[in-house]
Amino acid sequence: EQIIALHGEAGYQPEVLRGGIHFRTPLMYKIHIAPLVTIPQ
């Protein structure tokens, strides 16, 4: 029933990847690029 996989299950992982070089094999992972959220003053 969950959406976030906390224990390594298939699904969306709780941690996000920040800017830089990362290695995630496409045979197991899909990386969705999303913008940072800015709340104006």
PDB file of all heavy atoms in Angstrom:
ATOM      1  N   GLU A   1       0.806  -1.218   0.000  1.00  0.00           N
ATOM      2  CA  GLU A   1       0.000   0.000   0.000  1.00  0.00           C
ATOM      3  C   GLU A   1       0.838   1.266   0.000  1.00  0.00           C
ATOM      4  O   GLU A   1       0.333   2.347  -0.267  1.00  0.00           O
ATOM      5  CB  GLU A   1      -0.909   0.015   1.255  1.00  0.00           C
ATOM      6  CG  GLU A   1      -1.896  -1.154   1.277  1.00  0.00           C
ATOM      7  CD  GLU A   1      -2.722  -1.155   2.553  1.00  0.00           C
ATOM      8  OE1 GLU A   1      -2.453  -0.280   3.429  1.00  0.00           O
ATOM      9  OE2 GLU A   1      -3.630  -1.981   2.671  1.00  0.00           O
ATOM     10  N   GLN A   2       2.103   1.126   0.322  1.00  0.00           N
ATOM     11  CA  GLN A   2       2.950   2.292   0.436  1.00  0.00           C
ATOM     12  C   GLN A   2       3.382   2.774  -0.939  1.00  0.00           C
ATOM     13  O   GLN A   2       3.274   2.070  -1.929  1.00  0.00           O
ATOM     14  CB  GLN A   2       4.185   1.989   1.295  1.00  0.00           C
ATOM     15  CG  GLN A   2       3.902   1.624   2.735  1.00  0.00           C
ATOM     16  CD  GLN A   2       3.532   0.151   2.895  1.00  0.00           C
ATOM     17  OE1 GLN A   2       3.613  -0.643   1.920  1.00  0.00           O
ATOM     18  NE2 GLN A   2       3.092  -0.235   4.083  1.00  0.00           N
ATOM     19  N   ILE A   3       3.894   3.976  -0.910  1.00  0.00           N
ATOM     20  CA  ILE A   3       4.469   4.569  -2.109  1.00  0.00           C
ATOM     21  C   ILE A   3       5.972   4.652  -1.971  1.00  0.00           C
ATOM     22  O   ILE A   3       6.707   4.487  -2.940  1.00  0.00           O
ATOM     23  CB  ILE A   3       3.880   5.975  -2.357  1.00  0.00           C
ATOM     24  CG1 ILE A   3       2.357   5.870  -2.594  1.00  0.00           C
ATOM     25  CG2 ILE A   3       4.548   6.663  -3.530  1.00  0.00           C
ATOM     26  CD1 ILE A   3       1.686   7.208  -2.750  1.00  0.00           C
ATOM     27  N   ILE A   4       6.433   4.875  -0.767  1.00  0.00           N
ATOM     28  CA  ILE A   4       7.858   5.008  -0.502  1.00  0.00           C
ATOM     29  C   ILE A   4       8.355   3.697   0.100  1.00  0.00           C
ATOM     30  O   ILE A   4       7.782   3.177   1.075  1.00  0.00           O
ATOM     31  CB  ILE A   4       8.133   6.181   0.462  1.00  0.00           C
ATOM     32  CG1 ILE A   4       7.539   7.469  -0.102  1.00  0.00           C
ATOM     33  CG2 ILE A   4       9.618   6.340   0.712  1.00  0.00           C
ATOM     34  CD1 ILE A   4       8.109   7.895  -1.426  1.00  0.00           C
ATOM     35  N   ALA A   5       9.432   3.153  -0.510  1.00  0.00           N
ATOM     36  CA  ALA A   5      10.031   1.895  -0.041  1.00  0.00           C
ATOM     37  C   ALA A   5      11.095   2.213   0.982  1.00  0.00           C
ATOM     38  O   ALA A   5      12.154   2.765   0.649  1.00  0.00           O
ATOM     39  CB  ALA A   5      10.628   1.114  -1.199  1.00  0.00           C
ATOM     40  N   LEU A   6      10.788   1.910   2.236  1.00  0.00           N
ATOM     41  CA  LEU A   6      11.738   2.220   3.310  1.00  0.00           C
ATOM     42  C   LEU A   6      12.767   1.110   3.516  1.00  0.00           C
ATOM     43  O   LEU A   6      13.822   1.358   4.134  1.00  0.00           O
ATOM     44  CB  LEU A   6      10.973   2.450   4.623  1.00  0.00           C
ATOM     45  CG  LEU A   6      10.000   3.633   4.641  1.00  0.00           C
ATOM     46  CD1 LEU A   6       9.263   3.712   5.972  1.00  0.00           C
ATOM     47  CD2 LEU A   6      10.746   4.945   4.376  1.00  0.00           C
ATOM     48  N   HIS A   7      12.490  -0.078   3.021  1.00  0.00           N
ATOM     49  CA  HIS A   7      13.377  -1.215   3.314  1.00  0.00           C
ATOM     50  C   HIS A   7      13.949  -1.842   2.045  1.00  0.00           C
ATOM     51  O   HIS A   7      14.194  -3.063   1.984  1.00  0.00           O
ATOM     52  CB  HIS A   7      12.611  -2.283   4.103  1.00  0.00           C
ATOM     53  CG  HIS A   7      11.985  -1.732   5.363  1.00  0.00           C
ATOM     54  ND1 HIS A   7      12.727  -1.361   6.461  1.00  0.00           N
ATOM     55  CD2 HIS A   7      10.676  -1.492   5.679  1.00  0.00           C
ATOM     56  CE1 HIS A   7      11.909  -0.914   7.408  1.00  0.00           C
ATOM     57  NE2 HIS A   7      10.646  -1.001   6.950  1.00  0.00           N
ATOM     58  N   GLY A   8      14.154  -1.093   1.009  1.00  0.00           N
ATOM     59  CA  GLY A   8      14.789  -1.597  -0.207  1.00  0.00           C
ATOM     60  C   GLY A   8      13.842  -2.246  -1.166  1.00  0.00           C
ATOM     61  O   GLY A   8      14.276  -2.854  -2.152  1.00  0.00           O
ATOM     62  N   GLU A   9      12.553  -2.151  -0.921  1.00  0.00           N
ATOM     63  CA  GLU A   9      11.608  -2.743  -1.836  1.00  0.00           C
ATOM     64  C   GLU A   9      11.584  -1.942  -3.140  1.00  0.00           C
ATOM     65  O   GLU A   9      12.139  -0.863  -3.244  1.00  0.00           O
ATOM     66  CB  GLU A   9      10.199  -2.776  -1.232  1.00  0.00           C
ATOM     67  CG  GLU A   9      10.089  -3.573   0.059  1.00  0.00           C
ATOM     68  CD  GLU A   9      10.259  -2.674   1.274  1.00  0.00           C
ATOM     69  OE1 GLU A   9      10.830  -1.562   1.148  1.00  0.00           O
ATOM     70  OE2 GLU A   9       9.826  -3.051   2.355  1.00  0.00           O
ATOM     71  N   ALA A  10      10.958  -2.560  -4.119  1.00  0.00           N
ATOM     72  CA  ALA A  10      10.767  -1.852  -5.379  1.00  0.00           C
ATOM     73  C   ALA A  10       9.788  -0.701  -5.133  1.00  0.00           C
ATOM     74  O   ALA A  10       8.788  -0.838  -4.434  1.00  0.00           O
ATOM     75  CB  ALA A  10      10.235  -2.806  -6.431  1.00  0.00           C
ATOM     76  N   GLY A  11      10.108   0.436  -5.754  1.00  0.00           N
ATOM     77  CA  GLY A  11       9.267   1.620  -5.574  1.00  0.00           C
ATOM     78  C   GLY A  11      10.114   2.864  -5.379  1.00  0.00           C
ATOM     79  O   GLY A  11      11.344   2.856  -5.513  1.00  0.00           O
ATOM     80  N   TYR A  12       9.444   3.952  -5.038  1.00  0.00           N
ATOM     81  CA  TYR A  12      10.171   5.214  -4.829  1.00  0.00           C
ATOM     82  C   TYR A  12      10.929   5.154  -3.515  1.00  0.00           C
ATOM     83  O   TYR A  12      10.381   4.765  -2.469  1.00  0.00           O
ATOM     84  CB  TYR A  12       9.208   6.398  -4.808  1.00  0.00           C
ATOM     85  CG  TYR A  12       8.556   6.661  -6.155  1.00  0.00           C
ATOM     86  CD1 TYR A  12       7.250   6.234  -6.402  1.00  0.00           C
ATOM     87  CD2 TYR A  12       9.260   7.322  -7.155  1.00  0.00           C
ATOM     88  CE1 TYR A  12       6.658   6.469  -7.625  1.00  0.00           C
ATOM     89  CE2 TYR A  12       8.661   7.555  -8.383  1.00  0.00           C
ATOM     90  CZ  TYR A  12       7.368   7.143  -8.617  1.00  0.00           C
ATOM     91  OH  TYR A  12       6.787   7.360  -9.841  1.00  0.00           O
ATOM     92  N   GLN A  13      12.176   5.559  -3.636  1.00  0.00           N
ATOM     93  CA  GLN A  13      13.047   5.513  -2.479  1.00  0.00           C
ATOM     94  C   GLN A  13      12.918   6.817  -1.687  1.00  0.00           C
ATOM     95  O   GLN A  13      12.634   7.883  -2.230  1.00  0.00           O
ATOM     96  CB  GLN A  13      14.490   5.298  -2.924  1.00  0.00           C
ATOM     97  CG  GLN A  13      14.679   4.039  -3.756  1.00  0.00           C
ATOM     98  CD  GLN A  13      14.263   2.781  -3.001  1.00  0.00           C
ATOM     99  OE1 GLN A  13      14.739   2.520  -1.889  1.00  0.00           O
ATOM    100  NE2 GLN A  13      13.350   1.982  -3.584  1.00  0.00           N
ATOM    101  N   PRO A  14      13.091   6.751  -0.362  1.00  0.00           N
ATOM    102  CA  PRO A  14      12.901   7.955   0.464  1.00  0.00           C
ATOM    103  C   PRO A  14      13.975   9.018   0.257  1.00  0.00           C
ATOM    104  O   PRO A  14      13.694  10.209   0.397  1.00  0.00           O
ATOM    105  CB  PRO A  14      12.928   7.397   1.888  1.00  0.00           C
ATOM    106  CG  PRO A  14      13.674   6.118   1.786  1.00  0.00           C
ATOM    107  CD  PRO A  14      13.365   5.551   0.429  1.00  0.00           C
ATOM    108  N   GLU A  15      15.190   8.608  -0.050  1.00  0.00           N
ATOM    109  CA  GLU A  15      16.246   9.585  -0.210  1.00  0.00           C
ATOM    110  C   GLU A  15      16.257  10.121  -1.639  1.00  0.00           C
ATOM    111  O   GLU A  15      15.909   9.421  -2.586  1.00  0.00           O
ATOM    112  CB  GLU A  15      17.612   8.974   0.118  1.00  0.00           C
ATOM    113  CG  GLU A  15      17.828   8.685   1.593  1.00  0.00           C
ATOM    114  CD  GLU A  15      17.124   7.407   2.058  1.00  0.00           C
ATOM    115  OE1 GLU A  15      16.706   6.621   1.186  1.00  0.00           O
ATOM    116  OE2 GLU A  15      16.960   7.222   3.271  1.00  0.00           O
ATOM    117  N   VAL A  16      16.713  11.348  -1.756  1.00  0.00           N
ATOM    118  CA  VAL A  16      16.837  11.986  -3.068  1.00  0.00           C
ATOM    119  C   VAL A  16      18.317  12.190  -3.355  1.00  0.00           C
ATOM    120  O   VAL A  16      19.159  12.191  -2.450  1.00  0.00           O
ATOM    121  CB  VAL A  16      16.094  13.326  -3.103  1.00  0.00           C
ATOM    122  CG1 VAL A  16      14.608  13.122  -2.903  1.00  0.00           C
ATOM    123  CG2 VAL A  16      16.668  14.297  -2.092  1.00  0.00           C
ATOM    124  N   LEU A  17      18.632  12.343  -4.627  1.00  0.00           N
ATOM    125  CA  LEU A  17      19.996  12.587  -5.062  1.00  0.00           C
ATOM    126  C   LEU A  17      20.167  14.081  -5.298  1.00  0.00           C
ATOM    127  O   LEU A  17      19.390  14.698  -6.039  1.00  0.00           O
ATOM    128  CB  LEU A  17      20.288  11.812  -6.353  1.00  0.00           C
ATOM    129  CG  LEU A  17      20.087  10.282  -6.271  1.00  0.00           C
ATOM    130  CD1 LEU A  17      20.350   9.652  -7.637  1.00  0.00           C
ATOM    131  CD2 LEU A  17      20.993   9.683  -5.210  1.00  0.00           C
ATOM    132  N   ARG A  18      21.185  14.657  -4.657  1.00  0.00           N
ATOM    133  CA  ARG A  18      21.450  16.083  -4.827  1.00  0.00           C
ATOM    134  C   ARG A  18      22.402  16.279  -6.007  1.00  0.00           C
ATOM    135  O   ARG A  18      22.783  15.353  -6.721  1.00  0.00           O
ATOM    136  CB  ARG A  18      22.052  16.660  -3.534  1.00  0.00           C
ATOM    137  CG  ARG A  18      21.161  16.535  -2.311  1.00  0.00           C
ATOM    138  CD  ARG A  18      19.849  17.268  -2.494  1.00  0.00           C
ATOM    139  NE  ARG A  18      20.036  18.674  -2.773  1.00  0.00           N
ATOM    140  CZ  ARG A  18      20.164  19.622  -1.846  1.00  0.00           C
ATOM    141  NH1 ARG A  18      20.084  19.298  -0.566  1.00  0.00           N
ATOM    142  NH2 ARG A  18      20.322  20.867  -2.197  1.00  0.00           N
ATOM    143  N   GLY A  19      22.737  17.499  -6.278  1.00  0.00           N
ATOM    144  CA  GLY A  19      23.571  17.789  -7.438  1.00  0.00           C
ATOM    145  C   GLY A  19      24.934  17.085  -7.387  1.00  0.00           C
ATOM    146  O   GLY A  19      25.581  17.046  -6.345  1.00  0.00           O
ATOM    147  N   GLY A  20      25.380  16.483  -8.562  1.00  0.00           N
ATOM    148  CA  GLY A  20      26.656  15.789  -8.634  1.00  0.00           C
ATOM    149  C   GLY A  20      26.559  14.557  -9.531  1.00  0.00           C
ATOM    150  O   GLY A  20      25.603  14.396 -10.298  1.00  0.00           O
ATOM    151  N   ILE A  21      27.573  13.653  -9.414  1.00  0.00           N
ATOM    152  CA  ILE A  21      27.638  12.435 -10.226  1.00  0.00           C
ATOM    153  C   ILE A  21      27.193  11.260  -9.358  1.00  0.00           C
ATOM    154  O   ILE A  21      27.695  11.064  -8.241  1.00  0.00           O
ATOM    155  CB  ILE A  21      29.062  12.203 -10.753  1.00  0.00           C
ATOM    156  CG1 ILE A  21      29.457  13.367 -11.663  1.00  0.00           C
ATOM    157  CG2 ILE A  21      29.140  10.878 -11.499  1.00  0.00           C
ATOM    158  CD1 ILE A  21      30.896  13.285 -12.133  1.00  0.00           C
ATOM    159  N   HIS A  22      26.281  10.528  -9.899  1.00  0.00           N
ATOM    160  CA  HIS A  22      25.733   9.396  -9.150  1.00  0.00           C
ATOM    161  C   HIS A  22      25.700   8.173 -10.075  1.00  0.00           C
ATOM    162  O   HIS A  22      25.560   8.316 -11.296  1.00  0.00           O
ATOM    163  CB  HIS A  22      24.330   9.711  -8.650  1.00  0.00           C
ATOM    164  CG  HIS A  22      24.275  10.924  -7.741  1.00  0.00           C
ATOM    165  ND1 HIS A  22      24.507  10.839  -6.398  1.00  0.00           N
ATOM    166  CD2 HIS A  22      24.030  12.238  -8.006  1.00  0.00           C
ATOM    167  CE1 HIS A  22      24.398  12.067  -5.869  1.00  0.00           C
ATOM    168  NE2 HIS A  22      24.117  12.919  -6.851  1.00  0.00           N
ATOM    169  N   PHE A  23      25.763   7.000  -9.437  1.00  0.00           N
ATOM    170  CA  PHE A  23      25.746   5.752 -10.199  1.00  0.00           C
ATOM    171  C   PHE A  23      24.552   4.919  -9.751  1.00  0.00           C
ATOM    172  O   PHE A  23      24.483   4.450  -8.616  1.00  0.00           O
ATOM    173  CB  PHE A  23      27.049   4.971  -9.989  1.00  0.00           C
ATOM    174  CG  PHE A  23      28.251   5.677 -10.538  1.00  0.00           C
ATOM    175  CD1 PHE A  23      29.036   6.476  -9.711  1.00  0.00           C
ATOM    176  CD2 PHE A  23      28.605   5.529 -11.884  1.00  0.00           C
ATOM    177  CE1 PHE A  23      30.140   7.116 -10.221  1.00  0.00           C
ATOM    178  CE2 PHE A  23      29.728   6.179 -12.379  1.00  0.00           C
ATOM    179  CZ  PHE A  23      30.493   6.992 -11.553  1.00  0.00           C
ATOM    180  N   ARG A  24      23.578   4.836 -10.600  1.00  0.00           N
ATOM    181  CA  ARG A  24      22.419   3.992 -10.366  1.00  0.00           C
ATOM    182  C   ARG A  24      22.116   3.272 -11.699  1.00  0.00           C
ATOM    183  O   ARG A  24      21.786   3.902 -12.683  1.00  0.00           O
ATOM    184  CB  ARG A  24      21.187   4.811  -9.933  1.00  0.00           C
ATOM    185  CG  ARG A  24      21.347   5.488  -8.574  1.00  0.00           C
ATOM    186  CD  ARG A  24      21.289   4.439  -7.449  1.00  0.00           C
ATOM    187  NE  ARG A  24      21.208   5.110  -6.147  1.00  0.00           N
ATOM    188  CZ  ARG A  24      22.271   5.521  -5.468  1.00  0.00           C
ATOM    189  NH1 ARG A  24      23.460   5.415  -5.978  1.00  0.00           N
ATOM    190  NH2 ARG A  24      22.126   6.069  -4.288  1.00  0.00           N
ATOM    191  N   THR A  25      22.280   1.951 -11.671  1.00  0.00           N
ATOM    192  CA  THR A  25      22.122   1.188 -12.903  1.00  0.00           C
ATOM    193  C   THR A  25      20.692   1.272 -13.390  1.00  0.00           C
ATOM    194  O   THR A  25      19.735   1.105 -12.615  1.00  0.00           O
ATOM    195  CB  THR A  25      22.512  -0.287 -12.699  1.00  0.00           C
ATOM    196  OG1 THR A  25      22.235  -0.997 -13.913  1.00  0.00           O
ATOM    197  CG2 THR A  25      21.772  -0.932 -11.544  1.00  0.00           C
ATOM    198  N   PRO A  26      20.510   1.588 -14.616  1.00  0.00           N
ATOM    199  CA  PRO A  26      19.142   1.668 -15.156  1.00  0.00           C
ATOM    200  C   PRO A  26      18.463   0.307 -15.205  1.00  0.00           C
ATOM    201  O   PRO A  26      17.256   0.224 -15.434  1.00  0.00           O
ATOM    202  CB  PRO A  26      19.373   2.227 -16.561  1.00  0.00           C
ATOM    203  CG  PRO A  26      20.766   1.902 -16.901  1.00  0.00           C
ATOM    204  CD  PRO A  26      21.533   1.898 -15.616  1.00  0.00           C
ATOM    205  N   LEU A  27      19.261  -0.754 -14.987  1.00  0.00           N
ATOM    206  CA  LEU A  27      18.640  -2.051 -14.958  1.00  0.00           C
ATOM    207  C   LEU A  27      17.778  -2.238 -13.708  1.00  0.00           C
ATOM    208  O   LEU A  27      16.910  -3.111 -13.681  1.00  0.00           O
ATOM    209  CB  LEU A  27      19.725  -3.146 -15.020  1.00  0.00           C
ATOM    210  CG  LEU A  27      20.600  -3.108 -16.293  1.00  0.00           C
ATOM    211  CD1 LEU A  27      21.685  -4.185 -16.208  1.00  0.00           C
ATOM    212  CD2 LEU A  27      19.744  -3.313 -17.543  1.00  0.00           C
ATOM    213  N   MET A  28      18.033  -1.370 -12.669  1.00  0.00           N
ATOM    214  CA  MET A  28      17.290  -1.479 -11.417  1.00  0.00           C
ATOM    215  C   MET A  28      16.626  -0.147 -11.002  1.00  0.00           C
ATOM    216  O   MET A  28      15.563  -0.166 -10.359  1.00  0.00           O
ATOM    217  CB  MET A  28      18.224  -1.961 -10.299  1.00  0.00           C
ATOM    218  CG  MET A  28      17.527  -2.165  -8.972  1.00  0.00           C
ATOM    219  SD  MET A  28      18.640  -2.830  -7.708  1.00  0.00           S
ATOM    220  CE  MET A  28      18.860  -4.517  -8.313  1.00  0.00           C
ATOM    221  N   TYR A  29      17.198   0.973 -11.415  1.00  0.00           N
ATOM    222  CA  TYR A  29      16.719   2.278 -10.923  1.00  0.00           C
ATOM    223  C   TYR A  29      16.336   3.191 -12.085  1.00  0.00           C
ATOM    224  O   TYR A  29      16.918   3.099 -13.169  1.00  0.00           O
ATOM    225  CB  TYR A  29      17.798   2.963 -10.091  1.00  0.00           C
ATOM    226  CG  TYR A  29      18.201   2.196  -8.840  1.00  0.00           C
ATOM    227  CD1 TYR A  29      19.351   1.398  -8.855  1.00  0.00           C
ATOM    228  CD2 TYR A  29      17.430   2.274  -7.678  1.00  0.00           C
ATOM    229  CE1 TYR A  29      19.737   0.699  -7.715  1.00  0.00           C
ATOM    230  CE2 TYR A  29      17.828   1.569  -6.557  1.00  0.00           C
ATOM    231  CZ  TYR A  29      18.968   0.796  -6.576  1.00  0.00           C
ATOM    232  OH  TYR A  29      19.344   0.095  -5.467  1.00  0.00           O
ATOM    233  N   LYS A  30      15.407   4.048 -11.756  1.00  0.00           N
ATOM    234  CA  LYS A  30      15.058   5.148 -12.664  1.00  0.00           C
ATOM    235  C   LYS A  30      15.175   6.457 -11.872  1.00  0.00           C
ATOM    236  O   LYS A  30      14.595   6.585 -10.798  1.00  0.00           O
ATOM    237  CB  LYS A  30      13.635   4.988 -13.205  1.00  0.00           C
ATOM    238  CG  LYS A  30      13.255   6.086 -14.183  1.00  0.00           C
ATOM    239  CD  LYS A  30      11.849   5.881 -14.724  1.00  0.00           C
ATOM    240  CE  LYS A  30      11.496   6.985 -15.715  1.00  0.00           C
ATOM    241  NZ  LYS A  30      10.102   6.797 -16.230  1.00  0.00           N
ATOM    242  N   ILE A  31      15.915   7.404 -12.418  1.00  0.00           N
ATOM    243  CA  ILE A  31      16.147   8.689 -11.731  1.00  0.00           C
ATOM    244  C   ILE A  31      15.243   9.747 -12.374  1.00  0.00           C
ATOM    245  O   ILE A  31      15.340  10.017 -13.575  1.00  0.00           O
ATOM    246  CB  ILE A  31      17.615   9.098 -11.822  1.00  0.00           C
ATOM    247  CG1 ILE A  31      18.532   7.963 -11.319  1.00  0.00           C
ATOM    248  CG2 ILE A  31      17.831  10.394 -11.036  1.00  0.00           C
ATOM    249  CD1 ILE A  31      18.288   7.563  -9.902  1.00  0.00           C
ATOM    250  N   HIS A  32      14.380  10.353 -11.508  1.00  0.00           N
ATOM    251  CA  HIS A  32      13.507  11.444 -11.966  1.00  0.00           C
ATOM    252  C   HIS A  32      14.115  12.778 -11.518  1.00  0.00           C
ATOM    253  O   HIS A  32      14.296  13.007 -10.312  1.00  0.00           O
ATOM    254  CB  HIS A  32      12.104  11.312 -11.371  1.00  0.00           C
ATOM    255  CG  HIS A  32      11.437  10.024 -11.714  1.00  0.00           C
ATOM    256  ND1 HIS A  32      10.742   9.817 -12.890  1.00  0.00           N
ATOM    257  CD2 HIS A  32      11.364   8.825 -11.040  1.00  0.00           C
ATOM    258  CE1 HIS A  32      10.245   8.613 -12.917  1.00  0.00           C
ATOM    259  NE2 HIS A  32      10.623   7.973 -11.805  1.00  0.00           N
ATOM    260  N   ILE A  33      14.468  13.576 -12.495  1.00  0.00           N
ATOM    261  CA  ILE A  33      15.062  14.884 -12.195  1.00  0.00           C
ATOM    262  C   ILE A  33      13.924  15.874 -11.864  1.00  0.00           C
ATOM    263  O   ILE A  33      12.965  16.018 -12.629  1.00  0.00           O
ATOM    264  CB  ILE A  33      15.900  15.406 -13.360  1.00  0.00           C
ATOM    265  CG1 ILE A  33      16.986  14.372 -13.726  1.00  0.00           C
ATOM    266  CG2 ILE A  33      16.513  16.742 -13.011  1.00  0.00           C
ATOM    267  CD1 ILE A  33      17.958  14.091 -12.610  1.00  0.00           C
ATOM    268  N   ALA A  34      14.072  16.553 -10.733  1.00  0.00           N
ATOM    269  CA  ALA A  34      13.043  17.531 -10.281  1.00  0.00           C
ATOM    270  C   ALA A  34      13.747  18.790  -9.768  1.00  0.00           C
ATOM    271  O   ALA A  34      14.896  18.735  -9.311  1.00  0.00           O
ATOM    272  CB  ALA A  34      12.172  16.924  -9.189  1.00  0.00           C
ATOM    273  N   PRO A  35      13.064  19.907  -9.835  1.00  0.00           N
ATOM    274  CA  PRO A  35      13.695  21.160  -9.381  1.00  0.00           C
ATOM    275  C   PRO A  35      13.668  21.299  -7.856  1.00  0.00           C
ATOM    276  O   PRO A  35      12.884  20.649  -7.163  1.00  0.00           O
ATOM    277  CB  PRO A  35      12.825  22.226 -10.031  1.00  0.00           C
ATOM    278  CG  PRO A  35      11.489  21.617 -10.109  1.00  0.00           C
ATOM    279  CD  PRO A  35      11.714  20.143 -10.371  1.00  0.00           C
ATOM    280  N   LEU A  36      14.561  22.146  -7.356  1.00  0.00           N
ATOM    281  CA  LEU A  36      14.463  22.558  -5.958  1.00  0.00           C
ATOM    282  C   LEU A  36      13.242  23.477  -5.790  1.00  0.00           C
ATOM    283  O   LEU A  36      12.863  24.202  -6.694  1.00  0.00           O
ATOM    284  CB  LEU A  36      15.731  23.285  -5.523  1.00  0.00           C
ATOM    285  CG  LEU A  36      17.029  22.471  -5.531  1.00  0.00           C
ATOM    286  CD1 LEU A  36      18.213  23.377  -5.202  1.00  0.00           C
ATOM    287  CD2 LEU A  36      16.941  21.325  -4.528  1.00  0.00           C
ATOM    288  N   VAL A  37      12.641  23.439  -4.628  1.00  0.00           N
ATOM    289  CA  VAL A  37      11.453  24.265  -4.347  1.00  0.00           C
ATOM    290  C   VAL A  37      11.881  25.519  -3.576  1.00  0.00           C
ATOM    291  O   VAL A  37      12.534  25.399  -2.531  1.00  0.00           O
ATOM    292  CB  VAL A  37      10.410  23.473  -3.545  1.00  0.00           C
ATOM    293  CG1 VAL A  37       9.217  24.372  -3.191  1.00  0.00           C
ATOM    294  CG2 VAL A  37       9.966  22.247  -4.329  1.00  0.00           C
ATOM    295  N   THR A  38      11.510  26.664  -4.138  1.00  0.00           N
ATOM    296  CA  THR A  38      11.847  27.946  -3.499  1.00  0.00           C
ATOM    297  C   THR A  38      10.567  28.657  -3.067  1.00  0.00           C
ATOM    298  O   THR A  38       9.669  28.873  -3.888  1.00  0.00           O
ATOM    299  CB  THR A  38      12.644  28.845  -4.458  1.00  0.00           C
ATOM    300  OG1 THR A  38      13.869  28.175  -4.824  1.00  0.00           O
ATOM    301  CG2 THR A  38      12.961  30.181  -3.795  1.00  0.00           C
ATOM    302  N   ILE A  39      10.498  29.021  -1.790  1.00  0.00           N
ATOM    303  CA  ILE A  39       9.375  29.800  -1.243  1.00  0.00           C
ATOM    304  C   ILE A  39       9.828  31.260  -1.164  1.00  0.00           C
ATOM    305  O   ILE A  39      10.774  31.573  -0.438  1.00  0.00           O
ATOM    306  CB  ILE A  39       8.962  29.294   0.151  1.00  0.00           C
ATOM    307  CG1 ILE A  39       8.693  27.775   0.121  1.00  0.00           C
ATOM    308  CG2 ILE A  39       7.750  30.069   0.652  1.00  0.00           C
ATOM    309  CD1 ILE A  39       7.578  27.374  -0.790  1.00  0.00           C
ATOM    310  N   PRO A  40       9.184  32.144  -1.921  1.00  0.00           N
ATOM    311  CA  PRO A  40       9.632  33.540  -1.927  1.00  0.00           C
ATOM    312  C   PRO A  40       9.459  34.203  -0.553  1.00  0.00           C
ATOM    313  O   PRO A  40       8.735  33.724   0.328  1.00  0.00           O
ATOM    314  CB  PRO A  40       8.721  34.199  -2.976  1.00  0.00           C
ATOM    315  CG  PRO A  40       8.190  33.078  -3.787  1.00  0.00           C
ATOM    316  CD  PRO A  40       8.086  31.915  -2.864  1.00  0.00           C
ATOM    317  N   GLN A  41      10.134  35.333  -0.418  1.00  0.00           N
ATOM    318  CA  GLN A  41      10.054  36.098   0.826  1.00  0.00           C
ATOM    319  C   GLN A  41       8.616  36.564   1.083  1.00  0.00           C
ATOM    320  O   GLN A  41       7.941  37.085   0.213  1.00  0.00           O
ATOM    321  CB  GLN A  41      10.968  37.327   0.732  1.00  0.00           C
ATOM    322  CG  GLN A  41      10.943  38.225   1.945  1.00  0.00           C
ATOM    323  CD  GLN A  41      11.582  37.563   3.156  1.00  0.00           C
ATOM    324  OE1 GLN A  41      12.481  36.730   3.005  1.00  0.00           O
ATOM    325  NE2 GLN A  41      11.121  37.924   4.338  1.00  0.00           N
TER     326      GLN A  41
END
